[in-house]
Every structure is written in C-alpha cells, then in structure tokens.
Amino acid sequence: MRDTAGVLLDTADPHLVEEIRQEIEDPGDCWIADLHVWRIGPDAHAAILSVTANPGVDLVTIRERLKPVHELAHITIERHAAA
C-alpha cells in the first residue's frame, strides 16, 4: 500500500532529485526553474525539467548531462535563455 501511495501521490526519491540538480546546475551555466520526477516502473523514472541556460548550452548538452542518471527512462526538457 505504501509503494502504491507513493506512485499515486507523485513522490520522488529526494536523492534522485538532488542528483538531477547537481548534474544540470554544477557546471554553473544552467539553473532548474521547475523539476518534476515520478516513478514509471520498478527502477525507472520520468522527469520534466524547465531549465534556464546561458547561450551556448543547448538541449543536447543538457540531455547529455543527465546520462549518468540511469534511473531516468524518459526526460522532457524545456529550455529558456538566460536574460
């Protein structure tokens, strides 16, 4: 019951959320404005990110940064240019 409630309530593993934030933000040229992570299978998660990025940081670069996060099976990224 507890596992089912977590899925239904869209809870995310805090360690996974922090890992995603570190991979995106640690280089210092991108900032996550909004992040949603949820479980879609036993060891699989989906994520939707809204990212503000400096010029020169494209969607391919952002997606590459998330490759080490093996739990992510599906990623949707919205990129905004930094002002």
PDB file of N, CA and C in Angstrom:
ATOM      1  N   MET A   1       0.813  -1.186   0.000  1.00  0.00           N
ATOM      2  CA  MET A   1       0.000   0.000   0.000  1.00  0.00           C
ATOM      3  C   MET A   1       0.865   1.262   0.000  1.00  0.00           C
ATOM      4  N   ARG A   2       1.927   1.259   0.778  1.00  0.00           N
ATOM      5  CA  ARG A   2       2.800   2.424   0.868  1.00  0.00           C
ATOM      6  C   ARG A   2       3.444   2.728  -0.479  1.00  0.00           C
ATOM      7  N   ASP A   3       3.904   1.691  -1.200  1.00  0.00           N
ATOM      8  CA  ASP A   3       4.510   1.894  -2.515  1.00  0.00           C
ATOM      9  C   ASP A   3       3.502   2.457  -3.504  1.00  0.00           C
ATOM     10  N   THR A   4       2.299   1.947  -3.479  1.00  0.00           N
ATOM     11  CA  THR A   4       1.246   2.430  -4.375  1.00  0.00           C
ATOM     12  C   THR A   4       0.912   3.883  -4.077  1.00  0.00           C
ATOM     13  N   ALA A   5       0.829   4.239  -2.822  1.00  0.00           N
ATOM     14  CA  ALA A   5       0.519   5.626  -2.446  1.00  0.00           C
ATOM     15  C   ALA A   5       1.592   6.567  -2.960  1.00  0.00           C
ATOM     16  N   GLY A   6       2.851   6.162  -2.881  1.00  0.00           N
ATOM     17  CA  GLY A   6       3.943   6.997  -3.383  1.00  0.00           C
ATOM     18  C   GLY A   6       3.833   7.270  -4.863  1.00  0.00           C
ATOM     19  N   VAL A   7       3.435   6.261  -5.623  1.00  0.00           N
ATOM     20  CA  VAL A   7       3.259   6.434  -7.065  1.00  0.00           C
ATOM     21  C   VAL A   7       2.069   7.351  -7.331  1.00  0.00           C
ATOM     22  N   LEU A   8       0.967   7.110  -6.673  1.00  0.00           N
ATOM     23  CA  LEU A   8      -0.233   7.910  -6.901  1.00  0.00           C
ATOM     24  C   LEU A   8      -0.065   9.365  -6.472  1.00  0.00           C
ATOM     25  N   LEU A   9       0.723   9.600  -5.451  1.00  0.00           N
ATOM     26  CA  LEU A   9       0.939  10.957  -4.966  1.00  0.00           C
ATOM     27  C   LEU A   9       2.099  11.649  -5.658  1.00  0.00           C
ATOM     28  N   ASP A  10       2.711  10.991  -6.646  1.00  0.00           N
ATOM     29  CA  ASP A  10       3.776  11.586  -7.443  1.00  0.00           C
ATOM     30  C   ASP A  10       4.972  11.980  -6.585  1.00  0.00           C
ATOM     31  N   THR A  11       5.343  11.119  -5.630  1.00  0.00           N
ATOM     32  CA  THR A  11       6.507  11.409  -4.804  1.00  0.00           C
ATOM     33  C   THR A  11       7.766  10.950  -5.516  1.00  0.00           C
ATOM     34  N   ALA A  12       8.846  11.645  -5.272  1.00  0.00           N
ATOM     35  CA  ALA A  12      10.117  11.319  -5.905  1.00  0.00           C
ATOM     36  C   ALA A  12      11.170  11.079  -4.834  1.00  0.00           C
ATOM     37  N   ASP A  13      12.112  10.237  -5.150  1.00  0.00           N
ATOM     38  CA  ASP A  13      13.238   9.975  -4.269  1.00  0.00           C
ATOM     39  C   ASP A  13      14.070  11.260  -4.171  1.00  0.00           C
ATOM     40  N   PRO A  14      14.235  11.812  -2.970  1.00  0.00           N
ATOM     41  CA  PRO A  14      14.994  13.066  -2.825  1.00  0.00           C
ATOM     42  C   PRO A  14      16.431  12.961  -3.322  1.00  0.00           C
ATOM     43  N   HIS A  15      17.026  11.780  -3.212  1.00  0.00           N
ATOM     44  CA  HIS A  15      18.391  11.597  -3.692  1.00  0.00           C
ATOM     45  C   HIS A  15      18.443  11.686  -5.218  1.00  0.00           C
ATOM     46  N   LEU A  16      17.442  11.157  -5.887  1.00  0.00           N
ATOM     47  CA  LEU A  16      17.376  11.230  -7.339  1.00  0.00           C
ATOM     48  C   LEU A  16      17.180  12.678  -7.791  1.00  0.00           C
ATOM     49  N   VAL A  17      16.306  13.406  -7.128  1.00  0.00           N
ATOM     50  CA  VAL A  17      16.079  14.818  -7.455  1.00  0.00           C
ATOM     51  C   VAL A  17      17.365  15.610  -7.274  1.00  0.00           C
ATOM     52  N   GLU A  18      18.080  15.368  -6.190  1.00  0.00           N
ATOM     53  CA  GLU A  18      19.339  16.075  -5.934  1.00  0.00           C
ATOM     54  C   GLU A  18      20.392  15.714  -6.984  1.00  0.00           C
ATOM     55  N   GLU A  19      20.451  14.446  -7.386  1.00  0.00           N
ATOM     56  CA  GLU A  19      21.403  14.032  -8.423  1.00  0.00           C
ATOM     57  C   GLU A  19      21.118  14.759  -9.737  1.00  0.00           C
ATOM     58  N   ILE A  20      19.853  14.878 -10.101  1.00  0.00           N
ATOM     59  CA  ILE A  20      19.474  15.598 -11.322  1.00  0.00           C
ATOM     60  C   ILE A  20      19.905  17.057 -11.216  1.00  0.00           C
ATOM     61  N   ARG A  21      19.622  17.686 -10.079  1.00  0.00           N
ATOM     62  CA  ARG A  21      20.012  19.092  -9.883  1.00  0.00           C
ATOM     63  C   ARG A  21      21.522  19.272 -10.009  1.00  0.00           C
ATOM     64  N   GLN A  22      22.284  18.396  -9.401  1.00  0.00           N
ATOM     65  CA  GLN A  22      23.740  18.505  -9.464  1.00  0.00           C
ATOM     66  C   GLN A  22      24.253  18.368 -10.891  1.00  0.00           C
ATOM     67  N   GLU A  23      23.739  17.383 -11.622  1.00  0.00           N
ATOM     68  CA  GLU A  23      24.213  17.163 -12.993  1.00  0.00           C
ATOM     69  C   GLU A  23      23.930  18.370 -13.886  1.00  0.00           C
ATOM     70  N   ILE A  24      22.792  19.014 -13.690  1.00  0.00           N
ATOM     71  CA  ILE A  24      22.416  20.156 -14.523  1.00  0.00           C
ATOM     72  C   ILE A  24      23.082  21.447 -14.052  1.00  0.00           C
ATOM     73  N   GLU A  25      23.073  21.699 -12.752  1.00  0.00           N
ATOM     74  CA  GLU A  25      23.475  23.003 -12.235  1.00  0.00           C
ATOM     75  C   GLU A  25      24.944  23.140 -11.858  1.00  0.00           C
ATOM     76  N   ASP A  26      25.643  22.055 -11.572  1.00  0.00           N
ATOM     77  CA  ASP A  26      27.021  22.160 -11.082  1.00  0.00           C
ATOM     78  C   ASP A  26      27.994  22.847 -12.048  1.00  0.00           C
ATOM     79  N   PRO A  27      27.841  22.697 -13.375  1.00  0.00           N
ATOM     80  CA  PRO A  27      28.762  23.449 -14.241  1.00  0.00           C
ATOM     81  C   PRO A  27      28.590  24.969 -14.127  1.00  0.00           C
ATOM     82  N   GLY A  28      27.464  25.446 -13.584  1.00  0.00           N
ATOM     83  CA  GLY A  28      27.271  26.863 -13.342  1.00  0.00           C
ATOM     84  C   GLY A  28      26.679  27.652 -14.495  1.00  0.00           C
ATOM     85  N   ASP A  29      26.264  26.979 -15.558  1.00  0.00           N
ATOM     86  CA  ASP A  29      25.719  27.695 -16.711  1.00  0.00           C
ATOM     87  C   ASP A  29      24.244  27.393 -16.961  1.00  0.00           C
ATOM     88  N   CYS A  30      23.622  26.613 -16.077  1.00  0.00           N
ATOM     89  CA  CYS A  30      22.196  26.259 -16.170  1.00  0.00           C
ATOM     90  C   CYS A  30      21.590  26.262 -14.775  1.00  0.00           C
ATOM     91  N   TRP A  31      20.291  26.594 -14.724  1.00  0.00           N
ATOM     92  CA  TRP A  31      19.561  26.585 -13.457  1.00  0.00           C
ATOM     93  C   TRP A  31      18.200  25.963 -13.690  1.00  0.00           C
ATOM     94  N   ILE A  32      17.808  25.074 -12.816  1.00  0.00           N
ATOM     95  CA  ILE A  32      16.497  24.436 -12.933  1.00  0.00           C
ATOM     96  C   ILE A  32      15.451  25.358 -12.308  1.00  0.00           C
ATOM     97  N   ALA A  33      14.482  25.754 -13.115  1.00  0.00           N
ATOM     98  CA  ALA A  33      13.386  26.595 -12.635  1.00  0.00           C
ATOM     99  C   ALA A  33      12.249  25.733 -12.097  1.00  0.00           C
ATOM    100  N   ASP A  34      12.043  24.568 -12.707  1.00  0.00           N
ATOM    101  CA  ASP A  34      10.954  23.678 -12.296  1.00  0.00           C
ATOM    102  C   ASP A  34      11.370  22.245 -12.604  1.00  0.00           C
ATOM    103  N   LEU A  35      11.098  21.338 -11.692  1.00  0.00           N
ATOM    104  CA  LEU A  35      11.500  19.941 -11.856  1.00  0.00           C
ATOM    105  C   LEU A  35      10.430  19.034 -11.275  1.00  0.00           C
ATOM    106  N   HIS A  36       9.979  18.081 -12.087  1.00  0.00           N
ATOM    107  CA  HIS A  36       9.025  17.069 -11.632  1.00  0.00           C
ATOM    108  C   HIS A  36       9.603  15.699 -11.983  1.00  0.00           C
ATOM    109  N   VAL A  37       9.663  14.822 -11.002  1.00  0.00           N
ATOM    110  CA  VAL A  37      10.184  13.466 -11.193  1.00  0.00           C
ATOM    111  C   VAL A  37       9.174  12.496 -10.602  1.00  0.00           C
ATOM    112  N   TRP A  38       8.869  11.429 -11.346  1.00  0.00           N
ATOM    113  CA  TRP A  38       7.953  10.433 -10.818  1.00  0.00           C
ATOM    114  C   TRP A  38       8.340   9.053 -11.339  1.00  0.00           C
ATOM    115  N   ARG A  39       7.929   8.046 -10.586  1.00  0.00           N
ATOM    116  CA  ARG A  39       8.242   6.658 -10.905  1.00  0.00           C
ATOM    117  C   ARG A  39       7.294   6.159 -11.993  1.00  0.00           C
ATOM    118  N   ILE A  40       7.868   5.483 -12.996  1.00  0.00           N
ATOM    119  CA  ILE A  40       7.057   4.882 -14.057  1.00  0.00           C
ATOM    120  C   ILE A  40       7.254   3.372 -14.123  1.00  0.00           C
ATOM    121  N   GLY A  41       8.116   2.852 -13.266  1.00  0.00           N
ATOM    122  CA  GLY A  41       8.372   1.420 -13.201  1.00  0.00           C
ATOM    123  C   GLY A  41       9.209   1.120 -11.978  1.00  0.00           C
ATOM    124  N   PRO A  42       9.524  -0.155 -11.738  1.00  0.00           N
ATOM    125  CA  PRO A  42      10.264  -0.531 -10.533  1.00  0.00           C
ATOM    126  C   PRO A  42      11.583   0.225 -10.364  1.00  0.00           C
ATOM    127  N   ASP A  43      12.356   0.388 -11.433  1.00  0.00           N
ATOM    128  CA  ASP A  43      13.628   1.108 -11.370  1.00  0.00           C
ATOM    129  C   ASP A  43      13.697   2.180 -12.445  1.00  0.00           C
ATOM    130  N   ALA A  44      12.560   2.723 -12.812  1.00  0.00           N
ATOM    131  CA  ALA A  44      12.512   3.711 -13.888  1.00  0.00           C
ATOM    132  C   ALA A  44      11.709   4.928 -13.452  1.00  0.00           C
ATOM    133  N   HIS A  45      12.216   6.091 -13.823  1.00  0.00           N
ATOM    134  CA  HIS A  45      11.559   7.351 -13.502  1.00  0.00           C
ATOM    135  C   HIS A  45      11.462   8.204 -14.759  1.00  0.00           C
ATOM    136  N   ALA A  46      10.520   9.127 -14.748  1.00  0.00           N
ATOM    137  CA  ALA A  46      10.390  10.137 -15.793  1.00  0.00           C
ATOM    138  C   ALA A  46      10.637  11.486 -15.140  1.00  0.00           C
ATOM    139  N   ALA A  47      11.100  12.451 -15.947  1.00  0.00           N
ATOM    140  CA  ALA A  47      11.343  13.788 -15.422  1.00  0.00           C
ATOM    141  C   ALA A  47      10.951  14.833 -16.457  1.00  0.00           C
ATOM    142  N   ILE A  48      10.406  15.922 -15.956  1.00  0.00           N
ATOM    143  CA  ILE A  48      10.161  17.110 -16.763  1.00  0.00           C
ATOM    144  C   ILE A  48      10.931  18.239 -16.098  1.00  0.00           C
ATOM    145  N   LEU A  49      11.796  18.893 -16.884  1.00  0.00           N
ATOM    146  CA  LEU A  49      12.625  19.968 -16.366  1.00  0.00           C
ATOM    147  C   LEU A  49      12.372  21.243 -17.148  1.00  0.00           C
ATOM    148  N   SER A  50      12.311  22.349 -16.446  1.00  0.00           N
ATOM    149  CA  SER A  50      12.331  23.667 -17.065  1.00  0.00           C
ATOM    150  C   SER A  50      13.661  24.276 -16.659  1.00  0.00           C
ATOM    151  N   VAL A  51      14.518  24.544 -17.658  1.00  0.00           N
ATOM    152  CA  VAL A  51      15.895  24.945 -17.401  1.00  0.00           C
ATOM    153  C   VAL A  51      16.166  26.317 -18.016  1.00  0.00           C
ATOM    154  N   THR A  52      16.797  27.192 -17.251  1.00  0.00           N
ATOM    155  CA  THR A  52      17.299  28.456 -17.775  1.00  0.00           C
ATOM    156  C   THR A  52      18.783  28.261 -18.018  1.00  0.00           C
ATOM    157  N   ALA A  53      19.237  28.552 -19.247  1.00  0.00           N
ATOM    158  CA  ALA A  53      20.623  28.252 -19.613  1.00  0.00           C
ATOM    159  C   ALA A  53      21.273  29.439 -20.315  1.00  0.00           C
ATOM    160  N   ASN A  54      22.567  29.571 -20.097  1.00  0.00           N
ATOM    161  CA  ASN A  54      23.350  30.582 -20.793  1.00  0.00           C
ATOM    162  C   ASN A  54      23.444  30.244 -22.274  1.00  0.00           C
ATOM    163  N   PRO A  55      23.737  31.252 -23.116  1.00  0.00           N
ATOM    164  CA  PRO A  55      23.942  30.965 -24.542  1.00  0.00           C
ATOM    165  C   PRO A  55      25.047  29.910 -24.715  1.00  0.00           C
ATOM    166  N   GLY A  56      24.893  29.072 -25.684  1.00  0.00           N
ATOM    167  CA  GLY A  56      25.870  28.012 -25.922  1.00  0.00           C
ATOM    168  C   GLY A  56      25.519  26.696 -25.257  1.00  0.00           C
ATOM    169  N   VAL A  57      24.573  26.721 -24.344  1.00  0.00           N
ATOM    170  CA  VAL A  57      24.118  25.492 -23.704  1.00  0.00           C
ATOM    171  C   VAL A  57      22.784  25.117 -24.342  1.00  0.00           C
ATOM    172  N   ASP A  58      22.828  24.113 -25.215  1.00  0.00           N
ATOM    173  CA  ASP A  58      21.615  23.715 -25.925  1.00  0.00           C
ATOM    174  C   ASP A  58      20.978  22.488 -25.279  1.00  0.00           C
ATOM    175  N   LEU A  59      19.872  22.054 -25.859  1.00  0.00           N
ATOM    176  CA  LEU A  59      19.156  20.893 -25.305  1.00  0.00           C
ATOM    177  C   LEU A  59      19.999  19.627 -25.342  1.00  0.00           C
ATOM    178  N   VAL A  60      20.824  19.475 -26.366  1.00  0.00           N
ATOM    179  CA  VAL A  60      21.682  18.282 -26.459  1.00  0.00           C
ATOM    180  C   VAL A  60      22.648  18.243 -25.276  1.00  0.00           C
ATOM    181  N   THR A  61      23.236  19.379 -24.949  1.00  0.00           N
ATOM    182  CA  THR A  61      24.168  19.458 -23.813  1.00  0.00           C
ATOM    183  C   THR A  61      23.462  19.119 -22.503  1.00  0.00           C
ATOM    184  N   ILE A  62      22.273  19.669 -22.316  1.00  0.00           N
ATOM    185  CA  ILE A  62      21.516  19.415 -21.090  1.00  0.00           C
ATOM    186  C   ILE A  62      21.169  17.932 -20.984  1.00  0.00           C
ATOM    187  N   ARG A  63      20.713  17.339 -22.069  1.00  0.00           N
ATOM    188  CA  ARG A  63      20.369  15.918 -22.083  1.00  0.00           C
ATOM    189  C   ARG A  63      21.601  15.051 -21.807  1.00  0.00           C
ATOM    190  N   GLU A  64      22.747  15.418 -22.377  1.00  0.00           N
ATOM    191  CA  GLU A  64      23.992  14.679 -22.131  1.00  0.00           C
ATOM    192  C   GLU A  64      24.367  14.682 -20.652  1.00  0.00           C
ATOM    193  N   ARG A  65      24.127  15.779 -19.982  1.00  0.00           N
ATOM    194  CA  ARG A  65      24.446  15.875 -18.553  1.00  0.00           C
ATOM    195  C   ARG A  65      23.627  14.896 -17.717  1.00  0.00           C
ATOM    196  N   LEU A  66      22.475  14.501 -18.218  1.00  0.00           N
ATOM    197  CA  LEU A  66      21.610  13.587 -17.463  1.00  0.00           C
ATOM    198  C   LEU A  66      21.894  12.114 -17.750  1.00  0.00           C
ATOM    199  N   LYS A  67      22.793  11.806 -18.684  1.00  0.00           N
ATOM    200  CA  LYS A  67      23.095  10.402 -18.993  1.00  0.00           C
ATOM    201  C   LYS A  67      23.568   9.596 -17.787  1.00  0.00           C
ATOM    202  N   PRO A  68      24.347  10.169 -16.865  1.00  0.00           N
ATOM    203  CA  PRO A  68      24.767   9.379 -15.693  1.00  0.00           C
ATOM    204  C   PRO A  68      23.622   9.007 -14.748  1.00  0.00           C
ATOM    205  N   VAL A  69      22.479   9.652 -14.890  1.00  0.00           N
ATOM    206  CA  VAL A  69      21.333   9.371 -14.018  1.00  0.00           C
ATOM    207  C   VAL A  69      20.563   8.214 -14.645  1.00  0.00           C
ATOM    208  N   HIS A  70      20.996   6.996 -14.345  1.00  0.00           N
ATOM    209  CA  HIS A  70      20.485   5.791 -15.003  1.00  0.00           C
ATOM    210  C   HIS A  70      19.024   5.489 -14.690  1.00  0.00           C
ATOM    211  N   GLU A  71      18.493   6.050 -13.624  1.00  0.00           N
ATOM    212  CA  GLU A  71      17.099   5.795 -13.263  1.00  0.00           C
ATOM    213  C   GLU A  71      16.112   6.487 -14.208  1.00  0.00           C
ATOM    214  N   LEU A  72      16.592   7.474 -14.975  1.00  0.00           N
ATOM    215  CA  LEU A  72      15.705   8.222 -15.863  1.00  0.00           C
ATOM    216  C   LEU A  72      15.479   7.476 -17.168  1.00  0.00           C
ATOM    217  N   ALA A  73      14.237   7.080 -17.389  1.00  0.00           N
ATOM    218  CA  ALA A  73      13.869   6.369 -18.616  1.00  0.00           C
ATOM    219  C   ALA A  73      13.222   7.302 -19.633  1.00  0.00           C
ATOM    220  N   HIS A  74      12.671   8.419 -19.170  1.00  0.00           N
ATOM    221  CA  HIS A  74      12.025   9.384 -20.057  1.00  0.00           C
ATOM    222  C   HIS A  74      12.280  10.782 -19.522  1.00  0.00           C
ATOM    223  N   ILE A  75      12.732  11.691 -20.410  1.00  0.00           N
ATOM    224  CA  ILE A  75      13.062  13.058 -19.991  1.00  0.00           C
ATOM    225  C   ILE A  75      12.426  14.034 -20.973  1.00  0.00           C
ATOM    226  N   THR A  76      11.769  15.058 -20.427  1.00  0.00           N
ATOM    227  CA  THR A  76      11.273  16.168 -21.229  1.00  0.00           C
ATOM    228  C   THR A  76      11.940  17.430 -20.686  1.00  0.00           C
ATOM    229  N   ILE A  77      12.551  18.213 -21.597  1.00  0.00           N
ATOM    230  CA  ILE A  77      13.281  19.407 -21.177  1.00  0.00           C
ATOM    231  C   ILE A  77      12.712  20.622 -21.907  1.00  0.00           C
ATOM    232  N   GLU A  78      12.443  21.657 -21.144  1.00  0.00           N
ATOM    233  CA  GLU A  78      12.059  22.956 -21.681  1.00  0.00           C
ATOM    234  C   GLU A  78      13.210  23.905 -21.369  1.00  0.00           C
ATOM    235  N   ARG A  79      13.806  24.509 -22.403  1.00  0.00           N
ATOM    236  CA  ARG A  79      14.961  25.391 -22.204  1.00  0.00           C
ATOM    237  C   ARG A  79      14.555  26.839 -22.434  1.00  0.00           C
ATOM    238  N   HIS A  80      15.003  27.695 -21.507  1.00  0.00           N
ATOM    239  CA  HIS A  80      14.815  29.142 -21.630  1.00  0.00           C
ATOM    240  C   HIS A  80      16.176  29.798 -21.647  1.00  0.00           C
ATOM    241  N   ALA A  81      16.324  30.856 -22.422  1.00  0.00           N
ATOM    242  CA  ALA A  81      17.592  31.584 -22.471  1.00  0.00           C
ATOM    243  C   ALA A  81      17.713  32.468 -21.227  1.00  0.00           C
ATOM    244  N   ALA A  82      18.929  32.534 -20.704  1.00  0.00           N
ATOM    245  CA  ALA A  82      19.204  33.411 -19.559  1.00  0.00           C
ATOM    246  C   ALA A  82      19.117  34.854 -20.026  1.00  0.00           C
ATOM    247  N   ALA A  83      18.621  35.705 -19.164  1.00  0.00           N
ATOM    248  CA  ALA A  83      18.461  37.118 -19.526  1.00  0.00           C
ATOM    249  C   ALA A  83      19.772  37.862 -19.445  1.00  0.00           C
TER     250      ALA A  83
END
